[in-house]
Amino acid sequence: MASVNQCLEEAMQIEGAMGAALVDWNSGMCLGTAGGNGNINLEIAAAGNTEVVRSKMKVMQSLGLRDSIEDILITLGRQYHLIKLSTAHPDLFLYLILNREQSNLALARYKLNQLNEALKV
């Protein structure tokens, strides 16, 4: 089992990682952040991506879909933004920002899944 800080530190070891956060999508609050290096305000990014998750949840409800979101990928010109909803903690998501040129998206998703399973809050 990994603590929040351990989980975020390990997320930053994923090739191409630029920033990571654990976020409560009900409140929009970060439980922890790592990286960012002053270039990315992870608190603002996390709050904004909370709206993405909430919106998708509303659409699923409107469509009558009885399913869950595994992850959400936002592809930018130079970055991937990956939102991984927690299976053990339904109100939380892991948020990872990757440099597109330096990362392997499939491997990053795999590693984020492992971190999600090991996370203990």
N, C-alpha and C. Protein backbone atom coordinates (compact mmCIF):
# COMPACT_ATOMS: atom_id res chain seq x y z
N MET A 1 0.83 -1.18 0.00
CA MET A 1 0.00 0.00 0.00
C MET A 1 0.88 1.25 0.00
N ALA A 2 0.46 2.25 -0.74
CA ALA A 2 1.24 3.47 -0.86
C ALA A 2 0.44 4.65 -0.29
N SER A 3 1.13 5.51 0.45
CA SER A 3 0.49 6.73 0.95
C SER A 3 0.32 7.70 -0.21
N VAL A 4 -0.38 8.79 0.03
CA VAL A 4 -0.60 9.80 -1.01
C VAL A 4 0.73 10.32 -1.53
N ASN A 5 1.63 10.69 -0.62
CA ASN A 5 2.93 11.23 -1.05
C ASN A 5 3.75 10.20 -1.81
N GLN A 6 3.76 8.95 -1.35
CA GLN A 6 4.49 7.90 -2.05
C GLN A 6 3.91 7.69 -3.45
N CYS A 7 2.61 7.68 -3.54
CA CYS A 7 1.93 7.48 -4.82
C CYS A 7 2.30 8.59 -5.80
N LEU A 8 2.27 9.83 -5.33
CA LEU A 8 2.59 10.96 -6.21
C LEU A 8 4.06 10.97 -6.60
N GLU A 9 4.93 10.60 -5.66
CA GLU A 9 6.36 10.51 -5.98
C GLU A 9 6.59 9.45 -7.04
N GLU A 10 5.91 8.32 -6.93
CA GLU A 10 6.06 7.25 -7.92
C GLU A 10 5.47 7.68 -9.27
N ALA A 11 4.38 8.44 -9.24
CA ALA A 11 3.80 8.94 -10.49
C ALA A 11 4.79 9.84 -11.21
N MET A 12 5.56 10.60 -10.45
CA MET A 12 6.55 11.50 -11.06
C MET A 12 7.72 10.72 -11.66
N GLN A 13 7.85 9.44 -11.33
CA GLN A 13 8.91 8.60 -11.91
C GLN A 13 8.50 8.04 -13.27
N ILE A 14 7.22 8.20 -13.63
CA ILE A 14 6.76 7.74 -14.94
C ILE A 14 7.44 8.61 -16.00
N GLU A 15 7.98 7.98 -17.01
CA GLU A 15 8.71 8.70 -18.05
C GLU A 15 7.86 9.81 -18.66
N GLY A 16 8.39 11.02 -18.67
CA GLY A 16 7.71 12.17 -19.24
C GLY A 16 6.80 12.91 -18.27
N ALA A 17 6.71 12.45 -17.02
CA ALA A 17 5.82 13.09 -16.03
C ALA A 17 6.25 14.52 -15.76
N MET A 18 5.28 15.42 -15.80
CA MET A 18 5.54 16.83 -15.53
C MET A 18 4.87 17.28 -14.23
N GLY A 19 3.82 16.60 -13.82
CA GLY A 19 3.10 16.94 -12.61
C GLY A 19 2.07 15.88 -12.30
N ALA A 20 1.74 15.76 -11.01
CA ALA A 20 0.76 14.77 -10.58
C ALA A 20 0.00 15.32 -9.38
N ALA A 21 -1.24 14.87 -9.24
CA ALA A 21 -2.05 15.30 -8.11
C ALA A 21 -3.06 14.21 -7.78
N LEU A 22 -3.45 14.18 -6.52
CA LEU A 22 -4.58 13.35 -6.09
C LEU A 22 -5.67 14.33 -5.71
N VAL A 23 -6.84 14.15 -6.32
CA VAL A 23 -7.90 15.15 -6.23
C VAL A 23 -9.22 14.53 -5.79
N ASP A 24 -9.94 15.25 -4.95
CA ASP A 24 -11.31 14.91 -4.57
C ASP A 24 -12.22 15.61 -5.57
N TRP A 25 -12.91 14.85 -6.42
CA TRP A 25 -13.69 15.48 -7.48
C TRP A 25 -15.01 16.05 -6.98
N ASN A 26 -15.41 15.73 -5.75
CA ASN A 26 -16.61 16.36 -5.19
C ASN A 26 -16.34 17.80 -4.77
N SER A 27 -15.17 18.01 -4.18
CA SER A 27 -14.84 19.35 -3.68
C SER A 27 -13.89 20.12 -4.60
N GLY A 28 -13.14 19.40 -5.45
CA GLY A 28 -12.14 20.04 -6.29
C GLY A 28 -10.82 20.28 -5.59
N MET A 29 -10.70 19.80 -4.37
CA MET A 29 -9.50 20.02 -3.57
C MET A 29 -8.45 18.94 -3.82
N CYS A 30 -7.19 19.37 -3.83
CA CYS A 30 -6.07 18.44 -3.95
C CYS A 30 -5.73 17.87 -2.58
N LEU A 31 -5.53 16.57 -2.54
CA LEU A 31 -5.04 15.94 -1.32
C LEU A 31 -3.52 15.93 -1.31
N GLY A 32 -2.93 16.14 -2.48
CA GLY A 32 -1.48 16.21 -2.60
C GLY A 32 -1.09 16.48 -4.03
N THR A 33 0.09 17.08 -4.20
CA THR A 33 0.62 17.35 -5.54
C THR A 33 2.11 17.04 -5.57
N ALA A 34 2.61 16.83 -6.76
CA ALA A 34 4.05 16.63 -6.98
C ALA A 34 4.40 17.18 -8.35
N GLY A 35 5.57 17.75 -8.46
CA GLY A 35 6.02 18.28 -9.75
C GLY A 35 5.39 19.62 -10.06
N GLY A 36 5.26 19.89 -11.32
CA GLY A 36 4.73 21.17 -11.77
C GLY A 36 5.83 22.18 -12.03
N ASN A 37 6.84 22.20 -11.17
CA ASN A 37 8.02 23.06 -11.32
C ASN A 37 7.69 24.51 -11.63
N GLY A 38 6.60 25.03 -11.08
CA GLY A 38 6.26 26.42 -11.29
C GLY A 38 5.67 26.72 -12.66
N ASN A 39 5.78 25.78 -13.60
CA ASN A 39 5.22 25.98 -14.93
C ASN A 39 3.73 25.65 -14.99
N ILE A 40 3.30 24.77 -14.09
CA ILE A 40 1.93 24.30 -14.09
C ILE A 40 1.37 24.47 -12.68
N ASN A 41 0.28 25.20 -12.56
CA ASN A 41 -0.39 25.33 -11.27
C ASN A 41 -1.30 24.12 -11.11
N LEU A 42 -0.83 23.13 -10.37
CA LEU A 42 -1.57 21.88 -10.23
C LEU A 42 -2.89 22.05 -9.49
N GLU A 43 -2.96 23.02 -8.59
CA GLU A 43 -4.21 23.27 -7.86
C GLU A 43 -5.30 23.73 -8.83
N ILE A 44 -4.97 24.64 -9.71
CA ILE A 44 -5.94 25.15 -10.70
C ILE A 44 -6.28 24.06 -11.71
N ALA A 45 -5.27 23.33 -12.17
CA ALA A 45 -5.51 22.25 -13.13
C ALA A 45 -6.42 21.18 -12.52
N ALA A 46 -6.18 20.85 -11.26
CA ALA A 46 -7.00 19.84 -10.59
C ALA A 46 -8.44 20.30 -10.45
N ALA A 47 -8.62 21.56 -10.05
CA ALA A 47 -9.98 22.10 -9.92
C ALA A 47 -10.70 22.10 -11.27
N GLY A 48 -9.99 22.48 -12.32
CA GLY A 48 -10.58 22.48 -13.65
C GLY A 48 -10.96 21.09 -14.12
N ASN A 49 -10.10 20.12 -13.85
CA ASN A 49 -10.39 18.75 -14.27
C ASN A 49 -11.47 18.10 -13.42
N THR A 50 -11.72 18.66 -12.24
CA THR A 50 -12.86 18.23 -11.44
C THR A 50 -14.14 18.48 -12.23
N GLU A 51 -14.19 19.62 -12.92
CA GLU A 51 -15.37 19.94 -13.73
C GLU A 51 -15.52 18.97 -14.90
N VAL A 52 -14.42 18.52 -15.45
CA VAL A 52 -14.46 17.53 -16.53
C VAL A 52 -15.08 16.24 -16.02
N VAL A 53 -14.64 15.78 -14.86
CA VAL A 53 -15.16 14.54 -14.28
C VAL A 53 -16.65 14.70 -13.95
N ARG A 54 -17.00 15.80 -13.31
CA ARG A 54 -18.41 16.03 -12.96
C ARG A 54 -19.29 16.05 -14.20
N SER A 55 -18.82 16.71 -15.24
CA SER A 55 -19.58 16.80 -16.48
C SER A 55 -19.81 15.43 -17.09
N LYS A 56 -18.77 14.62 -17.13
CA LYS A 56 -18.90 13.28 -17.70
C LYS A 56 -19.85 12.42 -16.85
N MET A 57 -19.79 12.58 -15.54
CA MET A 57 -20.70 11.84 -14.66
C MET A 57 -22.16 12.23 -14.95
N LYS A 58 -22.40 13.53 -15.16
CA LYS A 58 -23.76 14.00 -15.47
C LYS A 58 -24.24 13.44 -16.80
N VAL A 59 -23.38 13.42 -17.80
CA VAL A 59 -23.75 12.89 -19.11
C VAL A 59 -24.08 11.40 -18.99
N MET A 60 -23.26 10.68 -18.27
CA MET A 60 -23.52 9.24 -18.10
C MET A 60 -24.87 9.02 -17.41
N GLN A 61 -25.15 9.84 -16.41
CA GLN A 61 -26.43 9.73 -15.70
C GLN A 61 -27.59 10.06 -16.64
N SER A 62 -27.45 11.10 -17.43
CA SER A 62 -28.50 11.50 -18.38
C SER A 62 -28.78 10.42 -19.41
N LEU A 63 -27.73 9.72 -19.80
CA LEU A 63 -27.87 8.64 -20.78
C LEU A 63 -28.32 7.32 -20.16
N GLY A 64 -28.40 7.30 -18.84
CA GLY A 64 -28.80 6.08 -18.15
C GLY A 64 -27.72 5.00 -18.16
N LEU A 65 -26.47 5.41 -18.35
CA LEU A 65 -25.38 4.44 -18.37
C LEU A 65 -25.06 4.01 -16.94
N ARG A 66 -25.11 2.75 -16.70
CA ARG A 66 -24.77 2.20 -15.39
C ARG A 66 -23.37 1.61 -15.49
N ASP A 67 -22.42 2.49 -15.54
CA ASP A 67 -21.04 2.10 -15.74
C ASP A 67 -20.16 3.07 -14.95
N SER A 68 -18.88 2.86 -15.00
CA SER A 68 -17.96 3.75 -14.30
C SER A 68 -16.88 4.22 -15.28
N ILE A 69 -16.30 5.36 -14.96
CA ILE A 69 -15.22 5.90 -15.77
C ILE A 69 -13.92 5.28 -15.29
N GLU A 70 -13.17 4.72 -16.22
CA GLU A 70 -11.84 4.18 -15.88
C GLU A 70 -10.82 5.31 -15.90
N ASP A 71 -10.73 5.98 -17.02
CA ASP A 71 -9.84 7.14 -17.11
C ASP A 71 -10.32 8.07 -18.21
N ILE A 72 -9.80 9.28 -18.19
CA ILE A 72 -10.11 10.29 -19.20
C ILE A 72 -8.77 10.82 -19.70
N LEU A 73 -8.62 10.86 -21.01
CA LEU A 73 -7.40 11.37 -21.62
C LEU A 73 -7.71 12.66 -22.36
N ILE A 74 -6.93 13.69 -22.06
CA ILE A 74 -7.01 14.95 -22.79
C ILE A 74 -5.67 15.10 -23.50
N THR A 75 -5.72 15.17 -24.82
CA THR A 75 -4.50 15.26 -25.61
C THR A 75 -4.32 16.69 -26.08
N LEU A 76 -3.23 17.30 -25.68
CA LEU A 76 -2.86 18.64 -26.11
C LEU A 76 -1.73 18.54 -27.12
N GLY A 77 -1.33 19.64 -27.68
CA GLY A 77 -0.26 19.65 -28.67
C GLY A 77 1.04 19.09 -28.13
N ARG A 78 1.39 19.42 -26.90
CA ARG A 78 2.67 18.98 -26.33
C ARG A 78 2.53 18.12 -25.07
N GLN A 79 1.30 17.93 -24.63
CA GLN A 79 1.10 17.21 -23.37
C GLN A 79 -0.08 16.25 -23.45
N TYR A 80 -0.03 15.25 -22.58
CA TYR A 80 -1.18 14.40 -22.28
C TYR A 80 -1.59 14.75 -20.85
N HIS A 81 -2.89 14.86 -20.63
CA HIS A 81 -3.43 15.02 -19.29
C HIS A 81 -4.29 13.79 -19.04
N LEU A 82 -3.89 13.00 -18.07
CA LEU A 82 -4.55 11.73 -17.80
C LEU A 82 -5.23 11.80 -16.43
N ILE A 83 -6.53 11.51 -16.43
CA ILE A 83 -7.33 11.50 -15.21
C ILE A 83 -7.73 10.06 -14.95
N LYS A 84 -7.26 9.50 -13.84
CA LYS A 84 -7.55 8.10 -13.50
C LYS A 84 -8.42 8.09 -12.24
N LEU A 85 -9.68 7.69 -12.40
CA LEU A 85 -10.56 7.62 -11.25
C LEU A 85 -10.19 6.43 -10.38
N SER A 86 -10.23 6.66 -9.08
CA SER A 86 -9.85 5.63 -8.13
C SER A 86 -10.96 4.59 -7.99
N THR A 87 -10.57 3.33 -8.00
CA THR A 87 -11.54 2.26 -7.81
C THR A 87 -11.82 2.04 -6.33
N ALA A 88 -10.82 2.23 -5.50
CA ALA A 88 -10.97 2.02 -4.05
C ALA A 88 -11.59 3.22 -3.34
N HIS A 89 -11.40 4.39 -3.92
CA HIS A 89 -11.88 5.64 -3.33
C HIS A 89 -12.67 6.39 -4.40
N PRO A 90 -13.98 6.11 -4.54
CA PRO A 90 -14.76 6.60 -5.68
C PRO A 90 -14.82 8.13 -5.84
N ASP A 91 -14.50 8.89 -4.81
CA ASP A 91 -14.56 10.35 -4.92
C ASP A 91 -13.22 10.96 -5.32
N LEU A 92 -12.21 10.12 -5.58
CA LEU A 92 -10.87 10.62 -5.87
C LEU A 92 -10.43 10.26 -7.29
N PHE A 93 -9.52 11.10 -7.81
CA PHE A 93 -8.86 10.73 -9.05
C PHE A 93 -7.39 11.14 -9.00
N LEU A 94 -6.59 10.34 -9.68
CA LEU A 94 -5.18 10.67 -9.89
C LEU A 94 -5.10 11.46 -11.19
N TYR A 95 -4.33 12.53 -11.15
CA TYR A 95 -4.18 13.39 -12.32
C TYR A 95 -2.71 13.44 -12.67
N LEU A 96 -2.39 13.13 -13.91
CA LEU A 96 -1.00 13.07 -14.35
C LEU A 96 -0.84 13.87 -15.64
N ILE A 97 0.16 14.75 -15.65
CA ILE A 97 0.49 15.52 -16.84
C ILE A 97 1.79 14.95 -17.40
N LEU A 98 1.76 14.61 -18.69
CA LEU A 98 2.91 14.01 -19.36
C LEU A 98 3.36 14.86 -20.54
N ASN A 99 4.65 14.91 -20.76
CA ASN A 99 5.22 15.51 -21.95
C ASN A 99 5.05 14.49 -23.07
N ARG A 100 4.37 14.87 -24.16
CA ARG A 100 4.07 13.91 -25.23
C ARG A 100 5.32 13.34 -25.88
N GLU A 101 6.35 14.16 -26.02
CA GLU A 101 7.57 13.72 -26.71
C GLU A 101 8.39 12.76 -25.87
N GLN A 102 8.22 12.80 -24.57
CA GLN A 102 9.06 12.00 -23.67
C GLN A 102 8.34 10.82 -23.05
N SER A 103 7.06 10.66 -23.33
CA SER A 103 6.29 9.64 -22.62
C SER A 103 5.78 8.55 -23.54
N ASN A 104 5.44 7.44 -22.92
CA ASN A 104 4.78 6.33 -23.58
C ASN A 104 3.41 6.24 -22.92
N LEU A 105 2.38 6.64 -23.63
CA LEU A 105 1.05 6.73 -23.04
C LEU A 105 0.54 5.39 -22.51
N ALA A 106 0.73 4.33 -23.25
CA ALA A 106 0.26 3.02 -22.81
C ALA A 106 0.95 2.60 -21.51
N LEU A 107 2.24 2.80 -21.44
CA LEU A 107 2.98 2.45 -20.22
C LEU A 107 2.57 3.35 -19.06
N ALA A 108 2.35 4.62 -19.32
CA ALA A 108 1.92 5.55 -18.27
C ALA A 108 0.56 5.15 -17.71
N ARG A 109 -0.36 4.76 -18.58
CA ARG A 109 -1.68 4.29 -18.12
C ARG A 109 -1.55 3.03 -17.28
N TYR A 110 -0.69 2.12 -17.71
CA TYR A 110 -0.47 0.89 -16.96
C TYR A 110 0.08 1.20 -15.56
N LYS A 111 1.08 2.06 -15.49
CA LYS A 111 1.69 2.40 -14.20
C LYS A 111 0.72 3.17 -13.32
N LEU A 112 -0.09 4.04 -13.91
CA LEU A 112 -1.07 4.77 -13.13
C LEU A 112 -2.12 3.82 -12.56
N ASN A 113 -2.49 2.78 -13.31
CA ASN A 113 -3.40 1.76 -12.80
C ASN A 113 -2.79 1.05 -11.59
N GLN A 114 -1.52 0.73 -11.66
CA GLN A 114 -0.84 0.08 -10.54
C GLN A 114 -0.83 0.98 -9.31
N LEU A 115 -0.55 2.26 -9.51
CA LEU A 115 -0.53 3.21 -8.39
C LEU A 115 -1.93 3.34 -7.79
N ASN A 116 -2.92 3.36 -8.64
CA ASN A 116 -4.30 3.45 -8.16
C ASN A 116 -4.65 2.27 -7.25
N GLU A 117 -4.22 1.09 -7.64
CA GLU A 117 -4.50 -0.11 -6.85
C GLU A 117 -3.75 -0.12 -5.52
N ALA A 118 -2.59 0.49 -5.49
CA ALA A 118 -1.77 0.50 -4.27
C ALA A 118 -2.09 1.66 -3.33
N LEU A 119 -2.85 2.63 -3.81
CA LEU A 119 -3.11 3.85 -3.04
C LEU A 119 -3.91 3.57 -1.77
N LYS A 120 -3.41 4.11 -0.67
CA LYS A 120 -4.12 4.03 0.61
C LYS A 120 -4.27 5.44 1.14
N VAL A 121 -5.53 5.84 1.31
CA VAL A 121 -5.81 7.19 1.80
C VAL A 121 -6.36 7.10 3.21
